[in-house]
Amino acid sequence: MMTGSTDMSPEQRVPEWGGDHLADPAGADTDGDTLGVDPTELSDEDLIREMHSLHRTRLDTLRHAADSALANHLRRTAELETEYLARHPGREVDPSRLRDV
């Protein structure tokens, strides 16, 4: 049986995340400065490049980064992926990635 912090999601365990990432889509830090370029201003090529970079560093960030860095990583990933899905609502789904229901 799991107890303590292991019962919480990663977002709940990272104090800086606070769950209000949706309330502040600009991703402002405590000084009011945005962290990263607004995803809506990125070209498709730049958006994909930024997502590749985040996914390439994901495990290292999750395992070894400070809580604030992990919180920023989670926020930025959500911003970029949300923008990608907004641009590509009918994205191609690879049939080999589907499971039988």
N, C-alpha and C. Protein backbone atom coordinates (compact mmCIF):
# COMPACT_ATOMS: atom_id res chain seq x y z
N MET A 1 0.83 -1.18 0.00
CA MET A 1 0.00 0.00 0.00
C MET A 1 0.88 1.24 0.00
N MET A 2 0.54 2.21 -0.87
CA MET A 2 1.33 3.43 -0.96
C MET A 2 0.76 4.48 -0.01
N THR A 3 1.66 5.21 0.62
CA THR A 3 1.23 6.27 1.53
C THR A 3 2.07 7.50 1.30
N GLY A 4 1.68 8.59 1.89
CA GLY A 4 2.47 9.82 1.83
C GLY A 4 2.45 10.43 0.45
N SER A 5 3.61 11.01 0.07
CA SER A 5 3.69 11.76 -1.18
C SER A 5 3.54 10.89 -2.41
N THR A 6 3.71 9.57 -2.29
CA THR A 6 3.58 8.72 -3.47
C THR A 6 2.14 8.61 -3.93
N ASP A 7 1.17 9.02 -3.11
CA ASP A 7 -0.23 9.01 -3.50
C ASP A 7 -0.60 10.24 -4.31
N MET A 8 0.32 11.18 -4.45
CA MET A 8 0.03 12.43 -5.15
C MET A 8 0.59 12.38 -6.57
N SER A 9 -0.03 13.15 -7.45
CA SER A 9 0.48 13.27 -8.81
C SER A 9 1.76 14.10 -8.79
N PRO A 10 2.55 14.06 -9.88
CA PRO A 10 3.76 14.90 -9.92
C PRO A 10 3.44 16.37 -9.72
N GLU A 11 2.34 16.84 -10.30
CA GLU A 11 1.97 18.25 -10.17
C GLU A 11 1.68 18.61 -8.72
N GLN A 12 1.07 17.68 -7.97
CA GLN A 12 0.77 17.94 -6.57
C GLN A 12 2.04 17.94 -5.72
N ARG A 13 3.04 17.17 -6.12
CA ARG A 13 4.28 17.08 -5.35
C ARG A 13 5.21 18.26 -5.61
N VAL A 14 4.97 19.02 -6.69
CA VAL A 14 5.83 20.15 -7.02
C VAL A 14 5.12 21.42 -6.59
N PRO A 15 5.56 22.02 -5.48
CA PRO A 15 4.86 23.18 -4.93
C PRO A 15 4.71 24.34 -5.92
N GLU A 16 5.71 24.57 -6.76
CA GLU A 16 5.66 25.69 -7.69
C GLU A 16 4.59 25.50 -8.76
N TRP A 17 4.19 24.25 -9.01
CA TRP A 17 3.20 23.98 -10.06
C TRP A 17 1.88 24.60 -9.67
N GLY A 18 1.39 24.28 -8.47
CA GLY A 18 0.21 24.92 -7.91
C GLY A 18 -1.10 24.66 -8.64
N GLY A 19 -1.06 23.94 -9.76
CA GLY A 19 -2.28 23.62 -10.47
C GLY A 19 -2.90 24.80 -11.20
N ASP A 20 -2.30 25.97 -11.14
CA ASP A 20 -2.91 27.12 -11.80
C ASP A 20 -2.26 27.41 -13.14
N HIS A 21 -1.62 26.39 -13.73
CA HIS A 21 -1.01 26.57 -15.03
C HIS A 21 -2.04 26.89 -16.10
N LEU A 22 -3.28 26.47 -15.91
CA LEU A 22 -4.33 26.77 -16.87
C LEU A 22 -4.87 28.17 -16.67
N ALA A 23 -4.79 28.67 -15.45
CA ALA A 23 -5.29 30.01 -15.15
C ALA A 23 -4.36 31.08 -15.71
N ASP A 24 -3.10 30.74 -15.91
CA ASP A 24 -2.13 31.70 -16.42
C ASP A 24 -1.44 31.14 -17.65
N PRO A 25 -2.13 31.12 -18.80
CA PRO A 25 -1.55 30.51 -19.99
C PRO A 25 -0.29 31.21 -20.49
N ALA A 26 -0.06 32.42 -20.06
CA ALA A 26 1.17 33.11 -20.46
C ALA A 26 2.38 32.57 -19.73
N GLY A 27 2.16 31.84 -18.65
CA GLY A 27 3.27 31.24 -17.91
C GLY A 27 4.14 32.28 -17.23
N ALA A 28 3.54 33.27 -16.65
CA ALA A 28 4.30 34.33 -15.99
C ALA A 28 4.96 33.79 -14.73
N ASP A 29 6.18 34.21 -14.50
CA ASP A 29 6.83 33.84 -13.25
C ASP A 29 6.45 34.87 -12.19
N THR A 30 7.09 34.80 -11.03
CA THR A 30 6.70 35.66 -9.92
C THR A 30 6.98 37.13 -10.19
N ASP A 31 7.89 37.42 -11.12
CA ASP A 31 8.18 38.81 -11.46
C ASP A 31 7.31 39.33 -12.59
N GLY A 32 6.42 38.48 -13.11
CA GLY A 32 5.55 38.88 -14.20
C GLY A 32 6.18 38.70 -15.57
N ASP A 33 7.38 38.14 -15.64
CA ASP A 33 8.02 37.89 -16.92
C ASP A 33 7.58 36.52 -17.45
N THR A 34 7.38 36.45 -18.76
CA THR A 34 7.00 35.16 -19.33
C THR A 34 8.24 34.28 -19.44
N LEU A 35 8.01 33.00 -19.34
CA LEU A 35 9.09 32.02 -19.44
C LEU A 35 8.98 31.32 -20.78
N GLY A 36 9.74 31.78 -21.76
CA GLY A 36 9.69 31.21 -23.09
C GLY A 36 8.79 31.99 -24.01
N VAL A 37 8.99 31.78 -25.30
CA VAL A 37 8.19 32.44 -26.32
C VAL A 37 6.78 31.87 -26.31
N ASP A 38 5.80 32.74 -26.45
CA ASP A 38 4.41 32.30 -26.52
C ASP A 38 4.29 31.29 -27.66
N PRO A 39 3.80 30.08 -27.39
CA PRO A 39 3.72 29.05 -28.43
C PRO A 39 2.92 29.48 -29.67
N THR A 40 1.96 30.38 -29.51
CA THR A 40 1.18 30.83 -30.66
C THR A 40 2.02 31.65 -31.63
N GLU A 41 3.17 32.16 -31.16
CA GLU A 41 4.05 32.95 -32.01
C GLU A 41 5.10 32.12 -32.72
N LEU A 42 5.19 30.83 -32.41
CA LEU A 42 6.19 29.96 -33.02
C LEU A 42 5.69 29.43 -34.36
N SER A 43 6.61 29.29 -35.30
CA SER A 43 6.28 28.62 -36.56
C SER A 43 6.07 27.13 -36.24
N ASP A 44 5.47 26.40 -37.16
CA ASP A 44 5.29 24.95 -36.95
C ASP A 44 6.64 24.27 -36.72
N GLU A 45 7.64 24.65 -37.50
CA GLU A 45 8.97 24.06 -37.36
C GLU A 45 9.56 24.35 -35.98
N ASP A 46 9.43 25.58 -35.51
CA ASP A 46 9.95 25.94 -34.19
C ASP A 46 9.18 25.24 -33.07
N LEU A 47 7.88 25.11 -33.23
CA LEU A 47 7.06 24.42 -32.23
C LEU A 47 7.50 22.97 -32.09
N ILE A 48 7.69 22.28 -33.21
CA ILE A 48 8.15 20.89 -33.18
C ILE A 48 9.55 20.80 -32.57
N ARG A 49 10.44 21.72 -32.94
CA ARG A 49 11.79 21.71 -32.39
C ARG A 49 11.77 21.89 -30.87
N GLU A 50 10.93 22.82 -30.38
CA GLU A 50 10.82 23.04 -28.94
C GLU A 50 10.28 21.79 -28.22
N MET A 51 9.29 21.14 -28.83
CA MET A 51 8.74 19.92 -28.21
C MET A 51 9.78 18.81 -28.19
N HIS A 52 10.56 18.67 -29.27
CA HIS A 52 11.64 17.67 -29.30
C HIS A 52 12.62 17.92 -28.16
N SER A 53 12.99 19.17 -27.98
CA SER A 53 13.94 19.51 -26.93
C SER A 53 13.41 19.15 -25.54
N LEU A 54 12.15 19.49 -25.28
CA LEU A 54 11.56 19.16 -23.98
C LEU A 54 11.46 17.66 -23.75
N HIS A 55 11.06 16.92 -24.77
CA HIS A 55 10.93 15.48 -24.61
C HIS A 55 12.29 14.81 -24.46
N ARG A 56 13.31 15.36 -25.12
CA ARG A 56 14.66 14.81 -25.02
C ARG A 56 15.21 14.97 -23.60
N THR A 57 14.83 16.04 -22.91
CA THR A 57 15.36 16.30 -21.57
C THR A 57 14.41 15.87 -20.44
N ARG A 58 13.28 15.26 -20.79
CA ARG A 58 12.22 14.95 -19.83
C ARG A 58 12.69 14.09 -18.66
N LEU A 59 13.28 12.95 -18.93
CA LEU A 59 13.66 12.04 -17.85
C LEU A 59 14.70 12.67 -16.92
N ASP A 60 15.69 13.32 -17.49
CA ASP A 60 16.71 13.96 -16.67
C ASP A 60 16.10 15.04 -15.78
N THR A 61 15.18 15.82 -16.35
CA THR A 61 14.52 16.88 -15.57
C THR A 61 13.68 16.27 -14.46
N LEU A 62 12.93 15.23 -14.78
CA LEU A 62 12.09 14.57 -13.78
C LEU A 62 12.92 13.99 -12.64
N ARG A 63 14.03 13.39 -12.96
CA ARG A 63 14.83 12.71 -11.94
C ARG A 63 15.77 13.62 -11.16
N HIS A 64 16.27 14.67 -11.80
CA HIS A 64 17.38 15.38 -11.17
C HIS A 64 17.23 16.89 -11.02
N ALA A 65 16.23 17.49 -11.64
CA ALA A 65 16.12 18.96 -11.59
C ALA A 65 15.46 19.43 -10.30
N ALA A 66 15.70 20.66 -9.97
CA ALA A 66 15.04 21.28 -8.81
C ALA A 66 13.54 21.34 -9.07
N ASP A 67 12.77 21.43 -8.00
CA ASP A 67 11.31 21.49 -8.13
C ASP A 67 10.86 22.61 -9.05
N SER A 68 11.50 23.76 -8.96
CA SER A 68 11.11 24.89 -9.81
C SER A 68 11.38 24.60 -11.28
N ALA A 69 12.48 23.91 -11.57
CA ALA A 69 12.79 23.55 -12.95
C ALA A 69 11.79 22.52 -13.48
N LEU A 70 11.43 21.56 -12.65
CA LEU A 70 10.43 20.57 -13.05
C LEU A 70 9.08 21.24 -13.28
N ALA A 71 8.72 22.15 -12.42
CA ALA A 71 7.45 22.87 -12.59
C ALA A 71 7.44 23.64 -13.91
N ASN A 72 8.55 24.30 -14.23
CA ASN A 72 8.66 25.05 -15.48
C ASN A 72 8.58 24.09 -16.67
N HIS A 73 9.25 22.95 -16.55
CA HIS A 73 9.24 21.94 -17.62
C HIS A 73 7.82 21.43 -17.86
N LEU A 74 7.09 21.12 -16.80
CA LEU A 74 5.71 20.65 -16.93
C LEU A 74 4.82 21.71 -17.57
N ARG A 75 4.99 22.96 -17.13
CA ARG A 75 4.19 24.05 -17.67
C ARG A 75 4.47 24.26 -19.14
N ARG A 76 5.74 24.30 -19.50
CA ARG A 76 6.13 24.56 -20.88
C ARG A 76 5.69 23.42 -21.80
N THR A 77 5.82 22.20 -21.33
CA THR A 77 5.37 21.04 -22.12
C THR A 77 3.87 21.15 -22.38
N ALA A 78 3.11 21.47 -21.36
CA ALA A 78 1.65 21.62 -21.52
C ALA A 78 1.32 22.73 -22.51
N GLU A 79 2.02 23.85 -22.44
CA GLU A 79 1.77 24.96 -23.36
C GLU A 79 2.03 24.56 -24.81
N LEU A 80 3.18 23.95 -25.04
CA LEU A 80 3.56 23.60 -26.40
C LEU A 80 2.66 22.50 -26.98
N GLU A 81 2.37 21.49 -26.17
CA GLU A 81 1.52 20.41 -26.66
C GLU A 81 0.09 20.87 -26.89
N THR A 82 -0.40 21.76 -26.05
CA THR A 82 -1.74 22.33 -26.25
C THR A 82 -1.80 23.10 -27.56
N GLU A 83 -0.76 23.88 -27.84
CA GLU A 83 -0.70 24.63 -29.10
C GLU A 83 -0.64 23.68 -30.30
N TYR A 84 0.15 22.62 -30.18
CA TYR A 84 0.25 21.65 -31.27
C TYR A 84 -1.13 21.04 -31.56
N LEU A 85 -1.84 20.63 -30.51
CA LEU A 85 -3.16 20.03 -30.69
C LEU A 85 -4.16 21.03 -31.25
N ALA A 86 -4.04 22.30 -30.89
CA ALA A 86 -4.92 23.32 -31.44
C ALA A 86 -4.68 23.50 -32.94
N ARG A 87 -3.43 23.40 -33.36
CA ARG A 87 -3.10 23.54 -34.77
C ARG A 87 -3.42 22.30 -35.59
N HIS A 88 -3.41 21.15 -34.94
CA HIS A 88 -3.58 19.87 -35.64
C HIS A 88 -4.67 19.03 -34.98
N PRO A 89 -5.90 19.52 -34.95
CA PRO A 89 -6.97 18.77 -34.27
C PRO A 89 -7.27 17.43 -34.95
N GLY A 90 -7.01 17.32 -36.23
CA GLY A 90 -7.25 16.07 -36.95
C GLY A 90 -5.96 15.34 -37.24
N ARG A 91 -5.04 15.40 -36.28
CA ARG A 91 -3.73 14.80 -36.51
C ARG A 91 -3.87 13.33 -36.89
N GLU A 92 -2.93 12.86 -37.67
CA GLU A 92 -2.95 11.47 -38.14
C GLU A 92 -2.61 10.54 -36.98
N VAL A 93 -3.45 9.55 -36.77
CA VAL A 93 -3.22 8.56 -35.72
C VAL A 93 -2.72 7.29 -36.38
N ASP A 94 -1.57 6.81 -35.93
CA ASP A 94 -0.98 5.59 -36.46
C ASP A 94 -1.79 4.40 -35.97
N PRO A 95 -2.39 3.61 -36.86
CA PRO A 95 -3.21 2.47 -36.44
C PRO A 95 -2.45 1.47 -35.57
N SER A 96 -1.14 1.39 -35.73
CA SER A 96 -0.36 0.45 -34.91
C SER A 96 -0.27 0.92 -33.46
N ARG A 97 -0.66 2.17 -33.19
CA ARG A 97 -0.63 2.70 -31.83
C ARG A 97 -1.96 2.51 -31.11
N LEU A 98 -2.95 1.95 -31.78
CA LEU A 98 -4.27 1.77 -31.19
C LEU A 98 -4.34 0.41 -30.50
N ARG A 99 -5.12 0.37 -29.45
CA ARG A 99 -5.35 -0.88 -28.72
C ARG A 99 -6.76 -1.37 -29.01
N ASP A 100 -6.92 -2.68 -29.01
CA ASP A 100 -8.27 -3.23 -29.13
C ASP A 100 -9.02 -2.95 -27.85
N VAL A 101 -10.28 -2.54 -28.00
CA VAL A 101 -11.09 -2.21 -26.81
C VAL A 101 -11.93 -3.39 -26.44
